[in-house]
Amino acid sequence: MAGRLGDRLKVRVTARRRRIEKPTKAVCRLLAKHLHLKPAQVRVVGGKTSPEKRIEIIDADPNAVAALFEF
């Protein structure tokens, strides 16, 4: 986690951008790890090819999600 960017969360991953799905999956895995979820519970619903992505998080503890934004 790299911090907040306005009302968004800034995340950095080391996956190469050659293949779009690698960094996208890396972001989902990272968020799932921090939220103690299965990777399938975190998915990109918008911006797959963009640096800015919209993420859907399924069945997460709202307090855990809010804690990601406390920097």
PDB file of N, CA and C in Angstrom:
ATOM      1  N   MET A   1       0.845  -1.162   0.000  1.00  0.00           N
ATOM      2  CA  MET A   1       0.000   0.000   0.000  1.00  0.00           C
ATOM      3  C   MET A   1       0.901   1.239   0.000  1.00  0.00           C
ATOM      4  N   ALA A   2       0.629   2.125  -0.905  1.00  0.00           N
ATOM      5  CA  ALA A   2       1.458   3.316  -1.034  1.00  0.00           C
ATOM      6  C   ALA A   2       0.850   4.539  -0.351  1.00  0.00           C
ATOM      7  N   GLY A   3      -0.407   4.442   0.079  1.00  0.00           N
ATOM      8  CA  GLY A   3      -1.032   5.563   0.773  1.00  0.00           C
ATOM      9  C   GLY A   3      -2.329   5.990   0.129  1.00  0.00           C
ATOM     10  N   ARG A   4      -2.806   7.139   0.557  1.00  0.00           N
ATOM     11  CA  ARG A   4      -4.049   7.687   0.024  1.00  0.00           C
ATOM     12  C   ARG A   4      -3.749   8.658  -1.093  1.00  0.00           C
ATOM     13  N   LEU A   5      -4.677   8.761  -2.005  1.00  0.00           N
ATOM     14  CA  LEU A   5      -4.614   9.730  -3.091  1.00  0.00           C
ATOM     15  C   LEU A   5      -6.000  10.340  -3.180  1.00  0.00           C
ATOM     16  N   GLY A   6      -6.245  11.376  -2.388  1.00  0.00           N
ATOM     17  CA  GLY A   6      -7.578  11.948  -2.291  1.00  0.00           C
ATOM     18  C   GLY A   6      -8.494  10.970  -1.580  1.00  0.00           C
ATOM     19  N   ASP A   7      -9.583  10.604  -2.226  1.00  0.00           N
ATOM     20  CA  ASP A   7     -10.513   9.639  -1.639  1.00  0.00           C
ATOM     21  C   ASP A   7     -10.255   8.224  -2.152  1.00  0.00           C
ATOM     22  N   ARG A   8      -9.075   8.018  -2.755  1.00  0.00           N
ATOM     23  CA  ARG A   8      -8.714   6.720  -3.307  1.00  0.00           C
ATOM     24  C   ARG A   8      -7.506   6.143  -2.576  1.00  0.00           C
ATOM     25  N   LEU A   9      -7.287   4.874  -2.772  1.00  0.00           N
ATOM     26  CA  LEU A   9      -6.147   4.184  -2.185  1.00  0.00           C
ATOM     27  C   LEU A   9      -5.107   3.970  -3.276  1.00  0.00           C
ATOM     28  N   LYS A  10      -3.864   4.321  -2.986  1.00  0.00           N
ATOM     29  CA  LYS A  10      -2.790   4.138  -3.957  1.00  0.00           C
ATOM     30  C   LYS A  10      -2.058   2.843  -3.623  1.00  0.00           C
ATOM     31  N   VAL A  11      -1.971   1.969  -4.612  1.00  0.00           N
ATOM     32  CA  VAL A  11      -1.347   0.658  -4.443  1.00  0.00           C
ATOM     33  C   VAL A  11      -0.258   0.516  -5.488  1.00  0.00           C
ATOM     34  N   ARG A  12       0.881  -0.034  -5.079  1.00  0.00           N
ATOM     35  CA  ARG A  12       1.970  -0.291  -6.028  1.00  0.00           C
ATOM     36  C   ARG A  12       2.264  -1.776  -6.041  1.00  0.00           C
ATOM     37  N   VAL A  13       2.378  -2.325  -7.250  1.00  0.00           N
ATOM     38  CA  VAL A  13       2.744  -3.723  -7.417  1.00  0.00           C
ATOM     39  C   VAL A  13       3.924  -3.807  -8.378  1.00  0.00           C
ATOM     40  N   THR A  14       4.641  -4.911  -8.340  1.00  0.00           N
ATOM     41  CA  THR A  14       5.832  -5.050  -9.181  1.00  0.00           C
ATOM     42  C   THR A  14       5.571  -5.815 -10.471  1.00  0.00           C
ATOM     43  N   ALA A  15       4.349  -6.267 -10.695  1.00  0.00           N
ATOM     44  CA  ALA A  15       4.026  -7.009 -11.919  1.00  0.00           C
ATOM     45  C   ALA A  15       4.201  -6.113 -13.137  1.00  0.00           C
ATOM     46  N   ARG A  16       4.751  -6.674 -14.191  1.00  0.00           N
ATOM     47  CA  ARG A  16       4.976  -5.916 -15.427  1.00  0.00           C
ATOM     48  C   ARG A  16       3.668  -5.616 -16.143  1.00  0.00           C
ATOM     49  N   ARG A  17       3.639  -4.488 -16.840  1.00  0.00           N
ATOM     50  CA  ARG A  17       2.424  -4.078 -17.557  1.00  0.00           C
ATOM     51  C   ARG A  17       2.333  -4.693 -18.947  1.00  0.00           C
ATOM     52  N   ARG A  18       3.286  -5.551 -19.310  1.00  0.00           N
ATOM     53  CA  ARG A  18       3.229  -6.163 -20.638  1.00  0.00           C
ATOM     54  C   ARG A  18       1.915  -6.893 -20.861  1.00  0.00           C
ATOM     55  N   ARG A  19       1.516  -7.609 -19.852  1.00  0.00           N
ATOM     56  CA  ARG A  19       0.232  -8.314 -19.910  1.00  0.00           C
ATOM     57  C   ARG A  19      -0.672  -7.665 -18.879  1.00  0.00           C
ATOM     58  N   ILE A  20      -1.785  -7.115 -19.336  1.00  0.00           N
ATOM     59  CA  ILE A  20      -2.692  -6.334 -18.495  1.00  0.00           C
ATOM     60  C   ILE A  20      -3.160  -7.117 -17.281  1.00  0.00           C
ATOM     61  N   GLU A  21      -3.443  -8.408 -17.433  1.00  0.00           N
ATOM     62  CA  GLU A  21      -4.023  -9.164 -16.326  1.00  0.00           C
ATOM     63  C   GLU A  21      -3.059  -9.364 -15.166  1.00  0.00           C
ATOM     64  N   LYS A  22      -1.755  -9.333 -15.396  1.00  0.00           N
ATOM     65  CA  LYS A  22      -0.812  -9.565 -14.289  1.00  0.00           C
ATOM     66  C   LYS A  22      -0.870  -8.480 -13.224  1.00  0.00           C
ATOM     67  N   PRO A  23      -0.727  -7.189 -13.573  1.00  0.00           N
ATOM     68  CA  PRO A  23      -0.826  -6.176 -12.512  1.00  0.00           C
ATOM     69  C   PRO A  23      -2.217  -6.096 -11.900  1.00  0.00           C
ATOM     70  N   THR A  24      -3.242  -6.345 -12.696  1.00  0.00           N
ATOM     71  CA  THR A  24      -4.608  -6.320 -12.180  1.00  0.00           C
ATOM     72  C   THR A  24      -4.793  -7.417 -11.137  1.00  0.00           C
ATOM     73  N   LYS A  25      -4.341  -8.621 -11.440  1.00  0.00           N
ATOM     74  CA  LYS A  25      -4.433  -9.729 -10.487  1.00  0.00           C
ATOM     75  C   LYS A  25      -3.568  -9.465  -9.261  1.00  0.00           C
ATOM     76  N   ALA A  26      -2.419  -8.845  -9.462  1.00  0.00           N
ATOM     77  CA  ALA A  26      -1.527  -8.539  -8.333  1.00  0.00           C
ATOM     78  C   ALA A  26      -2.203  -7.565  -7.368  1.00  0.00           C
ATOM     79  N   VAL A  27      -2.905  -6.573  -7.890  1.00  0.00           N
ATOM     80  CA  VAL A  27      -3.633  -5.623  -7.042  1.00  0.00           C
ATOM     81  C   VAL A  27      -4.712  -6.353  -6.245  1.00  0.00           C
ATOM     82  N   CYS A  28      -5.445  -7.228  -6.901  1.00  0.00           N
ATOM     83  CA  CYS A  28      -6.507  -7.985  -6.214  1.00  0.00           C
ATOM     84  C   CYS A  28      -5.922  -8.882  -5.134  1.00  0.00           C
ATOM     85  N   ARG A  29      -4.818  -9.553  -5.433  1.00  0.00           N
ATOM     86  CA  ARG A  29      -4.180 -10.416  -4.432  1.00  0.00           C
ATOM     87  C   ARG A  29      -3.686  -9.610  -3.239  1.00  0.00           C
ATOM     88  N   LEU A  30      -3.106  -8.448  -3.508  1.00  0.00           N
ATOM     89  CA  LEU A  30      -2.593  -7.601  -2.428  1.00  0.00           C
ATOM     90  C   LEU A  30      -3.720  -7.132  -1.514  1.00  0.00           C
ATOM     91  N   LEU A  31      -4.804  -6.644  -2.110  1.00  0.00           N
ATOM     92  CA  LEU A  31      -5.934  -6.191  -1.305  1.00  0.00           C
ATOM     93  C   LEU A  31      -6.549  -7.351  -0.522  1.00  0.00           C
ATOM     94  N   ALA A  32      -6.672  -8.516  -1.161  1.00  0.00           N
ATOM     95  CA  ALA A  32      -7.226  -9.689  -0.474  1.00  0.00           C
ATOM     96  C   ALA A  32      -6.351 -10.068   0.719  1.00  0.00           C
ATOM     97  N   LYS A  33      -5.059 -10.004   0.544  1.00  0.00           N
ATOM     98  CA  LYS A  33      -4.129 -10.336   1.638  1.00  0.00           C
ATOM     99  C   LYS A  33      -4.315  -9.381   2.811  1.00  0.00           C
ATOM    100  N   HIS A  34      -4.383  -8.093   2.538  1.00  0.00           N
ATOM    101  CA  HIS A  34      -4.527  -7.093   3.606  1.00  0.00           C
ATOM    102  C   HIS A  34      -5.890  -7.180   4.301  1.00  0.00           C
ATOM    103  N   LEU A  35      -6.897  -7.668   3.586  1.00  0.00           N
ATOM    104  CA  LEU A  35      -8.241  -7.764   4.154  1.00  0.00           C
ATOM    105  C   LEU A  35      -8.554  -9.168   4.680  1.00  0.00           C
ATOM    106  N   HIS A  36      -7.575 -10.077   4.583  1.00  0.00           N
ATOM    107  CA  HIS A  36      -7.735 -11.463   5.033  1.00  0.00           C
ATOM    108  C   HIS A  36      -8.896 -12.139   4.310  1.00  0.00           C
ATOM    109  N   LEU A  37      -8.907 -11.972   2.983  1.00  0.00           N
ATOM    110  CA  LEU A  37      -9.937 -12.553   2.132  1.00  0.00           C
ATOM    111  C   LEU A  37      -9.301 -13.489   1.111  1.00  0.00           C
ATOM    112  N   LYS A  38     -10.137 -14.268   0.448  1.00  0.00           N
ATOM    113  CA  LYS A  38      -9.675 -15.074  -0.680  1.00  0.00           C
ATOM    114  C   LYS A  38      -9.546 -14.144  -1.881  1.00  0.00           C
ATOM    115  N   PRO A  39      -8.568 -14.377  -2.746  1.00  0.00           N
ATOM    116  CA  PRO A  39      -8.417 -13.513  -3.927  1.00  0.00           C
ATOM    117  C   PRO A  39      -9.686 -13.422  -4.774  1.00  0.00           C
ATOM    118  N   ALA A  40     -10.501 -14.455  -4.782  1.00  0.00           N
ATOM    119  CA  ALA A  40     -11.739 -14.428  -5.571  1.00  0.00           C
ATOM    120  C   ALA A  40     -12.754 -13.436  -5.024  1.00  0.00           C
ATOM    121  N   GLN A  41     -12.567 -12.964  -3.800  1.00  0.00           N
ATOM    122  CA  GLN A  41     -13.489 -12.008  -3.198  1.00  0.00           C
ATOM    123  C   GLN A  41     -13.154 -10.556  -3.564  1.00  0.00           C
ATOM    124  N   VAL A  42     -12.087 -10.372  -4.308  1.00  0.00           N
ATOM    125  CA  VAL A  42     -11.667  -9.030  -4.734  1.00  0.00           C
ATOM    126  C   VAL A  42     -11.522  -9.064  -6.246  1.00  0.00           C
ATOM    127  N   ARG A  43     -12.244  -8.177  -6.924  1.00  0.00           N
ATOM    128  CA  ARG A  43     -12.140  -8.167  -8.383  1.00  0.00           C
ATOM    129  C   ARG A  43     -12.255  -6.755  -8.918  1.00  0.00           C
ATOM    130  N   VAL A  44     -11.662  -6.560 -10.082  1.00  0.00           N
ATOM    131  CA  VAL A  44     -11.710  -5.268 -10.762  1.00  0.00           C
ATOM    132  C   VAL A  44     -13.006  -5.198 -11.552  1.00  0.00           C
ATOM    133  N   VAL A  45     -13.774  -4.140 -11.326  1.00  0.00           N
ATOM    134  CA  VAL A  45     -15.034  -3.956 -12.048  1.00  0.00           C
ATOM    135  C   VAL A  45     -14.970  -2.787 -13.028  1.00  0.00           C
ATOM    136  N   GLY A  46     -13.869  -2.074 -13.019  1.00  0.00           N
ATOM    137  CA  GLY A  46     -13.701  -0.962 -13.951  1.00  0.00           C
ATOM    138  C   GLY A  46     -12.254  -0.533 -14.038  1.00  0.00           C
ATOM    139  N   GLY A  47     -11.790  -0.222 -15.219  1.00  0.00           N
ATOM    140  CA  GLY A  47     -10.437   0.282 -15.393  1.00  0.00           C
ATOM    141  C   GLY A  47      -9.380  -0.787 -15.527  1.00  0.00           C
ATOM    142  N   LYS A  48      -9.724  -1.936 -16.076  1.00  0.00           N
ATOM    143  CA  LYS A  48      -8.739  -3.018 -16.194  1.00  0.00           C
ATOM    144  C   LYS A  48      -7.478  -2.599 -16.937  1.00  0.00           C
ATOM    145  N   THR A  49      -7.611  -1.747 -17.931  1.00  0.00           N
ATOM    146  CA  THR A  49      -6.442  -1.322 -18.707  1.00  0.00           C
ATOM    147  C   THR A  49      -5.920   0.040 -18.269  1.00  0.00           C
ATOM    148  N   SER A  50      -6.522   0.611 -17.262  1.00  0.00           N
ATOM    149  CA  SER A  50      -6.148   1.937 -16.779  1.00  0.00           C
ATOM    150  C   SER A  50      -5.367   1.826 -15.469  1.00  0.00           C
ATOM    151  N   PRO A  51      -4.508   2.790 -15.173  1.00  0.00           N
ATOM    152  CA  PRO A  51      -3.838   2.784 -13.876  1.00  0.00           C
ATOM    153  C   PRO A  51      -4.823   2.976 -12.713  1.00  0.00           C
ATOM    154  N   GLU A  52      -5.962   3.616 -12.983  1.00  0.00           N
ATOM    155  CA  GLU A  52      -6.989   3.804 -11.958  1.00  0.00           C
ATOM    156  C   GLU A  52      -8.058   2.729 -12.138  1.00  0.00           C
ATOM    157  N   LYS A  53      -8.286   1.961 -11.085  1.00  0.00           N
ATOM    158  CA  LYS A  53      -9.211   0.845 -11.158  1.00  0.00           C
ATOM    159  C   LYS A  53     -10.316   0.977 -10.124  1.00  0.00           C
ATOM    160  N   ARG A  54     -11.482   0.456 -10.444  1.00  0.00           N
ATOM    161  CA  ARG A  54     -12.571   0.332  -9.467  1.00  0.00           C
ATOM    162  C   ARG A  54     -12.599  -1.119  -9.034  1.00  0.00           C
ATOM    163  N   ILE A  55     -12.609  -1.328  -7.741  1.00  0.00           N
ATOM    164  CA  ILE A  55     -12.506  -2.666  -7.173  1.00  0.00           C
ATOM    165  C   ILE A  55     -13.794  -3.013  -6.428  1.00  0.00           C
ATOM    166  N   GLU A  56     -14.256  -4.242  -6.608  1.00  0.00           N
ATOM    167  CA  GLU A  56     -15.373  -4.764  -5.831  1.00  0.00           C
ATOM    168  C   GLU A  56     -14.794  -5.722  -4.799  1.00  0.00           C
ATOM    169  N   ILE A  57     -15.168  -5.514  -3.545  1.00  0.00           N
ATOM    170  CA  ILE A  57     -14.718  -6.371  -2.459  1.00  0.00           C
ATOM    171  C   ILE A  57     -15.960  -7.032  -1.870  1.00  0.00           C
ATOM    172  N   ILE A  58     -15.978  -8.354  -1.879  1.00  0.00           N
ATOM    173  CA  ILE A  58     -17.154  -9.122  -1.474  1.00  0.00           C
ATOM    174  C   ILE A  58     -16.964  -9.664  -0.057  1.00  0.00           C
ATOM    175  N   ASP A  59     -17.949  -9.429   0.789  1.00  0.00           N
ATOM    176  CA  ASP A  59     -17.997  -9.972   2.154  1.00  0.00           C
ATOM    177  C   ASP A  59     -16.802  -9.565   3.018  1.00  0.00           C
ATOM    178  N   ALA A  60     -16.352  -8.349   2.884  1.00  0.00           N
ATOM    179  CA  ALA A  60     -15.252  -7.868   3.713  1.00  0.00           C
ATOM    180  C   ALA A  60     -15.797  -7.157   4.944  1.00  0.00           C
ATOM    181  N   ASP A  61     -15.025  -7.184   5.985  1.00  0.00           N
ATOM    182  CA  ASP A  61     -15.363  -6.444   7.195  1.00  0.00           C
ATOM    183  C   ASP A  61     -15.227  -4.954   6.879  1.00  0.00           C
ATOM    184  N   PRO A  62     -16.287  -4.163   7.021  1.00  0.00           N
ATOM    185  CA  PRO A  62     -16.211  -2.730   6.713  1.00  0.00           C
ATOM    186  C   PRO A  62     -15.117  -2.013   7.491  1.00  0.00           C
ATOM    187  N   ASN A  63     -14.863  -2.445   8.715  1.00  0.00           N
ATOM    188  CA  ASN A  63     -13.806  -1.813   9.508  1.00  0.00           C
ATOM    189  C   ASN A  63     -12.428  -2.086   8.918  1.00  0.00           C
ATOM    190  N   ALA A  64     -12.233  -3.289   8.378  1.00  0.00           N
ATOM    191  CA  ALA A  64     -10.957  -3.630   7.746  1.00  0.00           C
ATOM    192  C   ALA A  64     -10.729  -2.799   6.491  1.00  0.00           C
ATOM    193  N   VAL A  65     -11.795  -2.591   5.725  1.00  0.00           N
ATOM    194  CA  VAL A  65     -11.679  -1.761   4.515  1.00  0.00           C
ATOM    195  C   VAL A  65     -11.374  -0.320   4.912  1.00  0.00           C
ATOM    196  N   ALA A  66     -12.063   0.190   5.904  1.00  0.00           N
ATOM    197  CA  ALA A  66     -11.815   1.569   6.369  1.00  0.00           C
ATOM    198  C   ALA A  66     -10.384   1.715   6.882  1.00  0.00           C
ATOM    199  N   ALA A  67      -9.850   0.672   7.507  1.00  0.00           N
ATOM    200  CA  ALA A  67      -8.493   0.736   8.042  1.00  0.00           C
ATOM    201  C   ALA A  67      -7.449   0.900   6.935  1.00  0.00           C
ATOM    202  N   LEU A  68      -7.752   0.433   5.719  1.00  0.00           N
ATOM    203  CA  LEU A  68      -6.822   0.618   4.610  1.00  0.00           C
ATOM    204  C   LEU A  68      -6.597   2.092   4.300  1.00  0.00           C
ATOM    205  N   PHE A  69      -7.575   2.927   4.605  1.00  0.00           N
ATOM    206  CA  PHE A  69      -7.498   4.354   4.287  1.00  0.00           C
ATOM    207  C   PHE A  69      -6.929   5.184   5.427  1.00  0.00           C
ATOM    208  N   GLU A  70      -6.544   4.575   6.513  1.00  0.00           N
ATOM    209  CA  GLU A  70      -6.009   5.300   7.663  1.00  0.00           C
ATOM    210  C   GLU A  70      -4.493   5.341   7.592  1.00  0.00           C
ATOM    211  N   PHE A  71      -3.959   6.358   6.950  1.00  0.00           N
ATOM    212  CA  PHE A  71      -2.513   6.540   6.840  1.00  0.00           C
ATOM    213  C   PHE A  71      -2.108   7.793   7.562  1.00  0.00           C
TER     214      PHE A  71
END
